[in-house]
Amino acid sequence: MTLTKTLEGSALTLAPEGRLDTLTTPELEKELDTGLSGVSSLTLDCSKLEYISSAGLRALLNAYKAMGRGGFRLTHVNEVVKEVLDVTGFSGVLTIE
């Protein structure tokens, strides 16, 4: 997985590319643990995310908790990832645009 980071003022966008699974989730978690200081808005751009596992879902939930309901959103979610979010109930909790 490649993780692109864009910070504009206090708005952070993270764009993972590839698979977000047990092997790659620690990279996202590290960024979330160290990169949220002073960030008021976090966007996860899923346009190049091919797959998400339960480990990736855990990272999303932790990001949601850290940022609060209005401060975290997912964008450009493809059908494969959307289906996982729907089946697990995450689509009813997270903001998906």
PDB file of N, CA and C in Angstrom:
ATOM      1  N   MET A   1       0.844  -1.178   0.000  1.00  0.00           N
ATOM      2  CA  MET A   1       0.000   0.000   0.000  1.00  0.00           C
ATOM      3  C   MET A   1       0.886   1.236   0.000  1.00  0.00           C
ATOM      4  N   THR A   2       0.477   2.198  -0.779  1.00  0.00           N
ATOM      5  CA  THR A   2       1.095   3.512  -0.783  1.00  0.00           C
ATOM      6  C   THR A   2       0.121   4.466  -0.110  1.00  0.00           C
ATOM      7  N   LEU A   3       0.641   5.347   0.735  1.00  0.00           N
ATOM      8  CA  LEU A   3      -0.215   6.298   1.439  1.00  0.00           C
ATOM      9  C   LEU A   3       0.249   7.714   1.111  1.00  0.00           C
ATOM     10  N   THR A   4      -0.629   8.465   0.434  1.00  0.00           N
ATOM     11  CA  THR A   4      -0.333   9.848   0.090  1.00  0.00           C
ATOM     12  C   THR A   4      -1.006  10.748   1.111  1.00  0.00           C
ATOM     13  N   LYS A   5      -0.267  11.732   1.570  1.00  0.00           N
ATOM     14  CA  LYS A   5      -0.750  12.657   2.608  1.00  0.00           C
ATOM     15  C   LYS A   5      -0.755  14.076   2.050  1.00  0.00           C
ATOM     16  N   THR A   6      -1.894  14.776   2.212  1.00  0.00           N
ATOM     17  CA  THR A   6      -2.010  16.172   1.798  1.00  0.00           C
ATOM     18  C   THR A   6      -2.583  16.974   2.961  1.00  0.00           C
ATOM     19  N   LEU A   7      -1.848  17.969   3.397  1.00  0.00           N
ATOM     20  CA  LEU A   7      -2.300  18.821   4.492  1.00  0.00           C
ATOM     21  C   LEU A   7      -2.519  20.225   3.958  1.00  0.00           C
ATOM     22  N   GLU A   8      -3.755  20.718   4.080  1.00  0.00           N
ATOM     23  CA  GLU A   8      -4.113  22.071   3.678  1.00  0.00           C
ATOM     24  C   GLU A   8      -4.709  22.774   4.885  1.00  0.00           C
ATOM     25  N   GLY A   9      -3.912  23.613   5.513  1.00  0.00           N
ATOM     26  CA  GLY A   9      -4.357  24.249   6.748  1.00  0.00           C
ATOM     27  C   GLY A   9      -4.523  23.194   7.820  1.00  0.00           C
ATOM     28  N   SER A  10      -5.733  23.069   8.348  1.00  0.00           N
ATOM     29  CA  SER A  10      -6.001  22.051   9.368  1.00  0.00           C
ATOM     30  C   SER A  10      -6.772  20.864   8.798  1.00  0.00           C
ATOM     31  N   ALA A  11      -6.837  20.770   7.464  1.00  0.00           N
ATOM     32  CA  ALA A  11      -7.543  19.668   6.790  1.00  0.00           C
ATOM     33  C   ALA A  11      -6.524  18.680   6.223  1.00  0.00           C
ATOM     34  N   LEU A  12      -6.588  17.456   6.697  1.00  0.00           N
ATOM     35  CA  LEU A  12      -5.668  16.412   6.253  1.00  0.00           C
ATOM     36  C   LEU A  12      -6.422  15.416   5.374  1.00  0.00           C
ATOM     37  N   THR A  13      -5.830  15.094   4.232  1.00  0.00           N
ATOM     38  CA  THR A  13      -6.371  14.052   3.360  1.00  0.00           C
ATOM     39  C   THR A  13      -5.327  12.958   3.246  1.00  0.00           C
ATOM     40  N   LEU A  14      -5.764  11.734   3.526  1.00  0.00           N
ATOM     41  CA  LEU A  14      -4.922  10.557   3.351  1.00  0.00           C
ATOM     42  C   LEU A  14      -5.523   9.736   2.227  1.00  0.00           C
ATOM     43  N   ALA A  15      -4.679   9.307   1.300  1.00  0.00           N
ATOM     44  CA  ALA A  15      -5.151   8.547   0.145  1.00  0.00           C
ATOM     45  C   ALA A  15      -4.364   7.232   0.040  1.00  0.00           C
ATOM     46  N   PRO A  16      -4.932   6.156   0.595  1.00  0.00           N
ATOM     47  CA  PRO A  16      -4.265   4.865   0.467  1.00  0.00           C
ATOM     48  C   PRO A  16      -4.468   4.291  -0.931  1.00  0.00           C
ATOM     49  N   GLU A  17      -3.449   3.621  -1.432  1.00  0.00           N
ATOM     50  CA  GLU A  17      -3.539   2.982  -2.742  1.00  0.00           C
ATOM     51  C   GLU A  17      -3.174   1.515  -2.581  1.00  0.00           C
ATOM     52  N   GLY A  18      -4.079   0.646  -3.037  1.00  0.00           N
ATOM     53  CA  GLY A  18      -3.832  -0.791  -2.925  1.00  0.00           C
ATOM     54  C   GLY A  18      -4.744  -1.415  -1.883  1.00  0.00           C
ATOM     55  N   ARG A  19      -4.164  -2.290  -1.074  1.00  0.00           N
ATOM     56  CA  ARG A  19      -4.927  -3.042  -0.078  1.00  0.00           C
ATOM     57  C   ARG A  19      -4.674  -2.496   1.321  1.00  0.00           C
ATOM     58  N   LEU A  20      -5.743  -2.353   2.078  1.00  0.00           N
ATOM     59  CA  LEU A  20      -5.643  -1.969   3.481  1.00  0.00           C
ATOM     60  C   LEU A  20      -5.998  -3.209   4.284  1.00  0.00           C
ATOM     61  N   ASP A  21      -4.965  -3.946   4.673  1.00  0.00           N
ATOM     62  CA  ASP A  21      -5.172  -5.230   5.345  1.00  0.00           C
ATOM     63  C   ASP A  21      -4.232  -5.344   6.538  1.00  0.00           C
ATOM     64  N   THR A  22      -4.085  -6.541   7.072  1.00  0.00           N
ATOM     65  CA  THR A  22      -3.274  -6.768   8.259  1.00  0.00           C
ATOM     66  C   THR A  22      -1.830  -6.305   8.076  1.00  0.00           C
ATOM     67  N   LEU A  23      -1.306  -6.470   6.887  1.00  0.00           N
ATOM     68  CA  LEU A  23       0.085  -6.100   6.633  1.00  0.00           C
ATOM     69  C   LEU A  23       0.288  -4.600   6.433  1.00  0.00           C
ATOM     70  N   THR A  24      -0.709  -3.921   5.903  1.00  0.00           N
ATOM     71  CA  THR A  24      -0.539  -2.512   5.547  1.00  0.00           C
ATOM     72  C   THR A  24      -1.208  -1.531   6.513  1.00  0.00           C
ATOM     73  N   THR A  25      -2.153  -1.990   7.290  1.00  0.00           N
ATOM     74  CA  THR A  25      -2.863  -1.109   8.219  1.00  0.00           C
ATOM     75  C   THR A  25      -1.936  -0.411   9.215  1.00  0.00           C
ATOM     76  N   PRO A  26      -0.876  -1.064   9.704  1.00  0.00           N
ATOM     77  CA  PRO A  26       0.004  -0.356  10.643  1.00  0.00           C
ATOM     78  C   PRO A  26       0.573   0.954  10.087  1.00  0.00           C
ATOM     79  N   GLU A  27       0.791   1.031   8.794  1.00  0.00           N
ATOM     80  CA  GLU A  27       1.282   2.274   8.188  1.00  0.00           C
ATOM     81  C   GLU A  27       0.245   3.393   8.339  1.00  0.00           C
ATOM     82  N   LEU A  28      -1.025   3.072   8.090  1.00  0.00           N
ATOM     83  CA  LEU A  28      -2.093   4.058   8.263  1.00  0.00           C
ATOM     84  C   LEU A  28      -2.241   4.413   9.738  1.00  0.00           C
ATOM     85  N   GLU A  29      -2.202   3.425  10.605  1.00  0.00           N
ATOM     86  CA  GLU A  29      -2.344   3.682  12.038  1.00  0.00           C
ATOM     87  C   GLU A  29      -1.213   4.577  12.553  1.00  0.00           C
ATOM     88  N   LYS A  30      -0.005   4.365  12.060  1.00  0.00           N
ATOM     89  CA  LYS A  30       1.124   5.205  12.469  1.00  0.00           C
ATOM     90  C   LYS A  30       0.874   6.657  12.072  1.00  0.00           C
ATOM     91  N   GLU A  31       0.385   6.859  10.864  1.00  0.00           N
ATOM     92  CA  GLU A  31       0.081   8.222  10.403  1.00  0.00           C
ATOM     93  C   GLU A  31      -1.026   8.839  11.251  1.00  0.00           C
ATOM     94  N   LEU A  32      -2.029   8.052  11.598  1.00  0.00           N
ATOM     95  CA  LEU A  32      -3.126   8.562  12.419  1.00  0.00           C
ATOM     96  C   LEU A  32      -2.655   8.872  13.835  1.00  0.00           C
ATOM     97  N   ASP A  33      -1.727   8.079  14.356  1.00  0.00           N
ATOM     98  CA  ASP A  33      -1.222   8.299  15.713  1.00  0.00           C
ATOM     99  C   ASP A  33      -0.343   9.543  15.800  1.00  0.00           C
ATOM    100  N   THR A  34       0.403   9.823  14.742  1.00  0.00           N
ATOM    101  CA  THR A  34       1.380  10.910  14.805  1.00  0.00           C
ATOM    102  C   THR A  34       0.975  12.159  14.016  1.00  0.00           C
ATOM    103  N   GLY A  35       0.044  12.029  13.096  1.00  0.00           N
ATOM    104  CA  GLY A  35      -0.225  13.130  12.183  1.00  0.00           C
ATOM    105  C   GLY A  35      -1.492  13.914  12.409  1.00  0.00           C
ATOM    106  N   LEU A  36      -2.184  13.718  13.517  1.00  0.00           N
ATOM    107  CA  LEU A  36      -3.466  14.400  13.707  1.00  0.00           C
ATOM    108  C   LEU A  36      -3.386  15.644  14.588  1.00  0.00           C
ATOM    109  N   SER A  37      -2.207  15.967  15.078  1.00  0.00           N
ATOM    110  CA  SER A  37      -2.058  17.153  15.905  1.00  0.00           C
ATOM    111  C   SER A  37      -2.385  18.400  15.077  1.00  0.00           C
ATOM    112  N   GLY A  38      -3.343  19.180  15.548  1.00  0.00           N
ATOM    113  CA  GLY A  38      -3.743  20.397  14.855  1.00  0.00           C
ATOM    114  C   GLY A  38      -4.681  20.181  13.683  1.00  0.00           C
ATOM    115  N   VAL A  39      -5.076  18.941  13.447  1.00  0.00           N
ATOM    116  CA  VAL A  39      -5.977  18.620  12.335  1.00  0.00           C
ATOM    117  C   VAL A  39      -7.425  18.660  12.832  1.00  0.00           C
ATOM    118  N   SER A  40      -8.265  19.407  12.129  1.00  0.00           N
ATOM    119  CA  SER A  40      -9.674  19.484  12.513  1.00  0.00           C
ATOM    120  C   SER A  40     -10.574  18.699  11.565  1.00  0.00           C
ATOM    121  N   SER A  41     -10.043  18.337  10.396  1.00  0.00           N
ATOM    122  CA  SER A  41     -10.816  17.608   9.394  1.00  0.00           C
ATOM    123  C   SER A  41      -9.919  16.552   8.759  1.00  0.00           C
ATOM    124  N   LEU A  42     -10.396  15.301   8.757  1.00  0.00           N
ATOM    125  CA  LEU A  42      -9.644  14.198   8.167  1.00  0.00           C
ATOM    126  C   LEU A  42     -10.491  13.538   7.089  1.00  0.00           C
ATOM    127  N   THR A  43      -9.934  13.462   5.886  1.00  0.00           N
ATOM    128  CA  THR A  43     -10.599  12.807   4.767  1.00  0.00           C
ATOM    129  C   THR A  43      -9.751  11.623   4.338  1.00  0.00           C
ATOM    130  N   LEU A  44     -10.390  10.491   4.161  1.00  0.00           N
ATOM    131  CA  LEU A  44      -9.726   9.326   3.603  1.00  0.00           C
ATOM    132  C   LEU A  44     -10.245   9.161   2.180  1.00  0.00           C
ATOM    133  N   ASP A  45      -9.381   9.468   1.222  1.00  0.00           N
ATOM    134  CA  ASP A  45      -9.726   9.359  -0.198  1.00  0.00           C
ATOM    135  C   ASP A  45      -9.516   7.907  -0.617  1.00  0.00           C
ATOM    136  N   CYS A  46     -10.609   7.208  -0.884  1.00  0.00           N
ATOM    137  CA  CYS A  46     -10.569   5.778  -1.177  1.00  0.00           C
ATOM    138  C   CYS A  46     -10.572   5.471  -2.674  1.00  0.00           C
ATOM    139  N   SER A  47     -10.279   6.460  -3.509  1.00  0.00           N
ATOM    140  CA  SER A  47     -10.380   6.270  -4.956  1.00  0.00           C
ATOM    141  C   SER A  47      -9.445   5.188  -5.478  1.00  0.00           C
ATOM    142  N   LYS A  48      -8.333   4.933  -4.801  1.00  0.00           N
ATOM    143  CA  LYS A  48      -7.393   3.908  -5.251  1.00  0.00           C
ATOM    144  C   LYS A  48      -7.273   2.757  -4.262  1.00  0.00           C
ATOM    145  N   LEU A  49      -8.218   2.686  -3.330  1.00  0.00           N
ATOM    146  CA  LEU A  49      -8.244   1.600  -2.356  1.00  0.00           C
ATOM    147  C   LEU A  49      -8.958   0.406  -2.977  1.00  0.00           C
ATOM    148  N   GLU A  50      -8.271  -0.714  -3.094  1.00  0.00           N
ATOM    149  CA  GLU A  50      -8.808  -1.890  -3.766  1.00  0.00           C
ATOM    150  C   GLU A  50      -9.514  -2.857  -2.819  1.00  0.00           C
ATOM    151  N   TYR A  51      -9.124  -2.855  -1.560  1.00  0.00           N
ATOM    152  CA  TYR A  51      -9.626  -3.849  -0.607  1.00  0.00           C
ATOM    153  C   TYR A  51      -9.431  -3.321   0.801  1.00  0.00           C
ATOM    154  N   ILE A  52     -10.345  -3.679   1.696  1.00  0.00           N
ATOM    155  CA  ILE A  52     -10.187  -3.329   3.105  1.00  0.00           C
ATOM    156  C   ILE A  52     -10.567  -4.540   3.953  1.00  0.00           C
ATOM    157  N   SER A  53      -9.718  -4.871   4.920  1.00  0.00           N
ATOM    158  CA  SER A  53      -9.968  -6.003   5.804  1.00  0.00           C
ATOM    159  C   SER A  53     -10.470  -5.495   7.155  1.00  0.00           C
ATOM    160  N   SER A  54     -10.680  -6.413   8.075  1.00  0.00           N
ATOM    161  CA  SER A  54     -11.127  -6.032   9.417  1.00  0.00           C
ATOM    162  C   SER A  54     -10.080  -5.159  10.115  1.00  0.00           C
ATOM    163  N   ALA A  55      -8.810  -5.379   9.828  1.00  0.00           N
ATOM    164  CA  ALA A  55      -7.764  -4.522  10.408  1.00  0.00           C
ATOM    165  C   ALA A  55      -7.919  -3.090   9.895  1.00  0.00           C
ATOM    166  N   GLY A  56      -8.196  -2.935   8.615  1.00  0.00           N
ATOM    167  CA  GLY A  56      -8.426  -1.615   8.045  1.00  0.00           C
ATOM    168  C   GLY A  56      -9.665  -0.956   8.625  1.00  0.00           C
ATOM    169  N   LEU A  57     -10.716  -1.749   8.819  1.00  0.00           N
ATOM    170  CA  LEU A  57     -11.936  -1.217   9.422  1.00  0.00           C
ATOM    171  C   LEU A  57     -11.672  -0.715  10.838  1.00  0.00           C
ATOM    172  N   ARG A  58     -10.848  -1.449  11.587  1.00  0.00           N
ATOM    173  CA  ARG A  58     -10.493  -1.021  12.945  1.00  0.00           C
ATOM    174  C   ARG A  58      -9.796   0.343  12.903  1.00  0.00           C
ATOM    175  N   ALA A  59      -8.901   0.542  11.933  1.00  0.00           N
ATOM    176  CA  ALA A  59      -8.207   1.824  11.793  1.00  0.00           C
ATOM    177  C   ALA A  59      -9.199   2.947  11.471  1.00  0.00           C
ATOM    178  N   LEU A  60     -10.184   2.647  10.608  1.00  0.00           N
ATOM    179  CA  LEU A  60     -11.209   3.649  10.291  1.00  0.00           C
ATOM    180  C   LEU A  60     -12.011   4.024  11.532  1.00  0.00           C
ATOM    181  N   LEU A  61     -12.362   3.029  12.322  1.00  0.00           N
ATOM    182  CA  LEU A  61     -13.135   3.283  13.539  1.00  0.00           C
ATOM    183  C   LEU A  61     -12.325   4.127  14.524  1.00  0.00           C
ATOM    184  N   ASN A  62     -11.048   3.832  14.646  1.00  0.00           N
ATOM    185  CA  ASN A  62     -10.197   4.621  15.537  1.00  0.00           C
ATOM    186  C   ASN A  62     -10.062   6.062  15.044  1.00  0.00           C
ATOM    187  N   ALA A  63      -9.960   6.249  13.735  1.00  0.00           N
ATOM    188  CA  ALA A  63      -9.890   7.597  13.165  1.00  0.00           C
ATOM    189  C   ALA A  63     -11.189   8.347  13.438  1.00  0.00           C
ATOM    190  N   TYR A  64     -12.307   7.660  13.268  1.00  0.00           N
ATOM    191  CA  TYR A  64     -13.619   8.251  13.545  1.00  0.00           C
ATOM    192  C   TYR A  64     -13.705   8.703  15.002  1.00  0.00           C
ATOM    193  N   LYS A  65     -13.260   7.848  15.902  1.00  0.00           N
ATOM    194  CA  LYS A  65     -13.302   8.191  17.323  1.00  0.00           C
ATOM    195  C   LYS A  65     -12.386   9.366  17.638  1.00  0.00           C
ATOM    196  N   ALA A  66     -11.218   9.403  17.019  1.00  0.00           N
ATOM    197  CA  ALA A  66     -10.265  10.482  17.271  1.00  0.00           C
ATOM    198  C   ALA A  66     -10.766  11.825  16.756  1.00  0.00           C
ATOM    199  N   MET A  67     -11.448  11.812  15.605  1.00  0.00           N
ATOM    200  CA  MET A  67     -11.871  13.053  14.962  1.00  0.00           C
ATOM    201  C   MET A  67     -13.301  13.468  15.311  1.00  0.00           C
ATOM    202  N   GLY A  68     -14.108  12.550  15.764  1.00  0.00           N
ATOM    203  CA  GLY A  68     -15.503  12.870  16.019  1.00  0.00           C
ATOM    204  C   GLY A  68     -16.319  12.768  14.745  1.00  0.00           C
ATOM    205  N   ARG A  69     -17.607  12.727  14.876  1.00  0.00           N
ATOM    206  CA  ARG A  69     -18.503  12.478  13.750  1.00  0.00           C
ATOM    207  C   ARG A  69     -18.312  13.475  12.598  1.00  0.00           C
ATOM    208  N   GLY A  70     -18.208  14.732  12.884  1.00  0.00           N
ATOM    209  CA  GLY A  70     -18.118  15.731  11.826  1.00  0.00           C
ATOM    210  C   GLY A  70     -16.723  15.929  11.263  1.00  0.00           C
ATOM    211  N   GLY A  71     -15.716  15.343  11.903  1.00  0.00           N
ATOM    212  CA  GLY A  71     -14.352  15.600  11.490  1.00  0.00           C
ATOM    213  C   GLY A  71     -13.719  14.534  10.616  1.00  0.00           C
ATOM    214  N   PHE A  72     -14.458  13.456  10.318  1.00  0.00           N
ATOM    215  CA  PHE A  72     -13.893  12.353   9.547  1.00  0.00           C
ATOM    216  C   PHE A  72     -14.868  11.934   8.457  1.00  0.00           C
ATOM    217  N   ARG A  73     -14.322  11.750   7.237  1.00  0.00           N
ATOM    218  CA  ARG A  73     -15.185  11.307   6.142  1.00  0.00           C
ATOM    219  C   ARG A  73     -14.378  10.467   5.161  1.00  0.00           C
ATOM    220  N   LEU A  74     -15.096   9.644   4.436  1.00  0.00           N
ATOM    221  CA  LEU A  74     -14.533   8.836   3.367  1.00  0.00           C
ATOM    222  C   LEU A  74     -15.053   9.379   2.048  1.00  0.00           C
ATOM    223  N   THR A  75     -14.187   9.460   1.043  1.00  0.00           N
ATOM    224  CA  THR A  75     -14.612   9.910  -0.274  1.00  0.00           C
ATOM    225  C   THR A  75     -14.187   8.900  -1.327  1.00  0.00           C
ATOM    226  N   HIS A  76     -14.870   8.946  -2.466  1.00  0.00           N
ATOM    227  CA  HIS A  76     -14.549   8.117  -3.634  1.00  0.00           C
ATOM    228  C   HIS A  76     -14.475   6.630  -3.305  1.00  0.00           C
ATOM    229  N   VAL A  77     -15.471   6.150  -2.577  1.00  0.00           N
ATOM    230  CA  VAL A  77     -15.497   4.738  -2.166  1.00  0.00           C
ATOM    231  C   VAL A  77     -16.020   3.896  -3.321  1.00  0.00           C
ATOM    232  N   ASN A  78     -15.228   2.898  -3.743  1.00  0.00           N
ATOM    233  CA  ASN A  78     -15.649   2.030  -4.847  1.00  0.00           C
ATOM    234  C   ASN A  78     -16.622   0.952  -4.353  1.00  0.00           C
ATOM    235  N   GLU A  79     -17.162   0.187  -5.253  1.00  0.00           N
ATOM    236  CA  GLU A  79     -18.179  -0.813  -4.930  1.00  0.00           C
ATOM    237  C   GLU A  79     -17.672  -1.907  -3.992  1.00  0.00           C
ATOM    238  N   VAL A  80     -16.429  -2.351  -4.180  1.00  0.00           N
ATOM    239  CA  VAL A  80     -15.874  -3.426  -3.346  1.00  0.00           C
ATOM    240  C   VAL A  80     -15.768  -2.963  -1.893  1.00  0.00           C
ATOM    241  N   VAL A  81     -15.198  -1.791  -1.689  1.00  0.00           N
ATOM    242  CA  VAL A  81     -15.050  -1.254  -0.341  1.00  0.00           C
ATOM    243  C   VAL A  81     -16.414  -0.895   0.238  1.00  0.00           C
ATOM    244  N   LYS A  82     -17.286  -0.337  -0.572  1.00  0.00           N
ATOM    245  CA  LYS A  82     -18.638   0.035  -0.111  1.00  0.00           C
ATOM    246  C   LYS A  82     -19.403  -1.185   0.382  1.00  0.00           C
ATOM    247  N   GLU A  83     -19.253  -2.306  -0.312  1.00  0.00           N
ATOM    248  CA  GLU A  83     -19.937  -3.524   0.109  1.00  0.00           C
ATOM    249  C   GLU A  83     -19.449  -3.973   1.488  1.00  0.00           C
ATOM    250  N   VAL A  84     -18.157  -3.898   1.736  1.00  0.00           N
ATOM    251  CA  VAL A  84     -17.613  -4.259   3.047  1.00  0.00           C
ATOM    252  C   VAL A  84     -18.156  -3.307   4.118  1.00  0.00           C
ATOM    253  N   LEU A  85     -18.195  -2.021   3.810  1.00  0.00           N
ATOM    254  CA  LEU A  85     -18.731  -1.049   4.764  1.00  0.00           C
ATOM    255  C   LEU A  85     -20.210  -1.295   5.038  1.00  0.00           C
ATOM    256  N   ASP A  86     -20.967  -1.664   4.008  1.00  0.00           N
ATOM    257  CA  ASP A  86     -22.399  -1.946   4.172  1.00  0.00           C
ATOM    258  C   ASP A  86     -22.630  -3.196   5.015  1.00  0.00           C
ATOM    259  N   VAL A  87     -21.925  -4.272   4.684  1.00  0.00           N
ATOM    260  CA  VAL A  87     -22.111  -5.558   5.373  1.00  0.00           C
ATOM    261  C   VAL A  87     -21.750  -5.447   6.850  1.00  0.00           C
ATOM    262  N   THR A  88     -20.729  -4.672   7.161  1.00  0.00           N
ATOM    263  CA  THR A  88     -20.274  -4.543   8.542  1.00  0.00           C
ATOM    264  C   THR A  88     -21.022  -3.471   9.332  1.00  0.00           C
ATOM    265  N   GLY A  89     -21.855  -2.685   8.665  1.00  0.00           N
ATOM    266  CA  GLY A  89     -22.605  -1.629   9.330  1.00  0.00           C
ATOM    267  C   GLY A  89     -21.848  -0.313   9.452  1.00  0.00           C
ATOM    268  N   PHE A  90     -20.622  -0.271   8.952  1.00  0.00           N
ATOM    269  CA  PHE A  90     -19.833   0.953   9.027  1.00  0.00           C
ATOM    270  C   PHE A  90     -20.444   2.078   8.198  1.00  0.00           C
ATOM    271  N   SER A  91     -21.143   1.739   7.131  1.00  0.00           N
ATOM    272  CA  SER A  91     -21.726   2.787   6.290  1.00  0.00           C
ATOM    273  C   SER A  91     -22.820   3.553   7.016  1.00  0.00           C
ATOM    274  N   GLY A  92     -23.377   2.973   8.060  1.00  0.00           N
ATOM    275  CA  GLY A  92     -24.380   3.669   8.853  1.00  0.00           C
ATOM    276  C   GLY A  92     -23.783   4.572   9.913  1.00  0.00           C
ATOM    277  N   VAL A  93     -22.487   4.446  10.153  1.00  0.00           N
ATOM    278  CA  VAL A  93     -21.806   5.217  11.176  1.00  0.00           C
ATOM    279  C   VAL A  93     -20.904   6.294  10.583  1.00  0.00           C
ATOM    280  N   LEU A  94     -20.125   5.916   9.565  1.00  0.00           N
ATOM    281  CA  LEU A  94     -19.159   6.835   8.966  1.00  0.00           C
ATOM    282  C   LEU A  94     -19.812   7.731   7.915  1.00  0.00           C
ATOM    283  N   THR A  95     -19.256   8.897   7.725  1.00  0.00           N
ATOM    284  CA  THR A  95     -19.703   9.803   6.685  1.00  0.00           C
ATOM    285  C   THR A  95     -19.016   9.387   5.378  1.00  0.00           C
ATOM    286  N   ILE A  96     -19.823   9.003   4.383  1.00  0.00           N
ATOM    287  CA  ILE A  96     -19.285   8.558   3.096  1.00  0.00           C
ATOM    288  C   ILE A  96     -19.827   9.495   2.016  1.00  0.00           C
ATOM    289  N   GLU A  97     -18.925  10.096   1.283  1.00  0.00           N
ATOM    290  CA  GLU A  97     -19.320  11.022   0.214  1.00  0.00           C
ATOM    291  C   GLU A  97     -18.895  10.488  -1.123  1.00  0.00           C
TER     292      GLU A  97
END
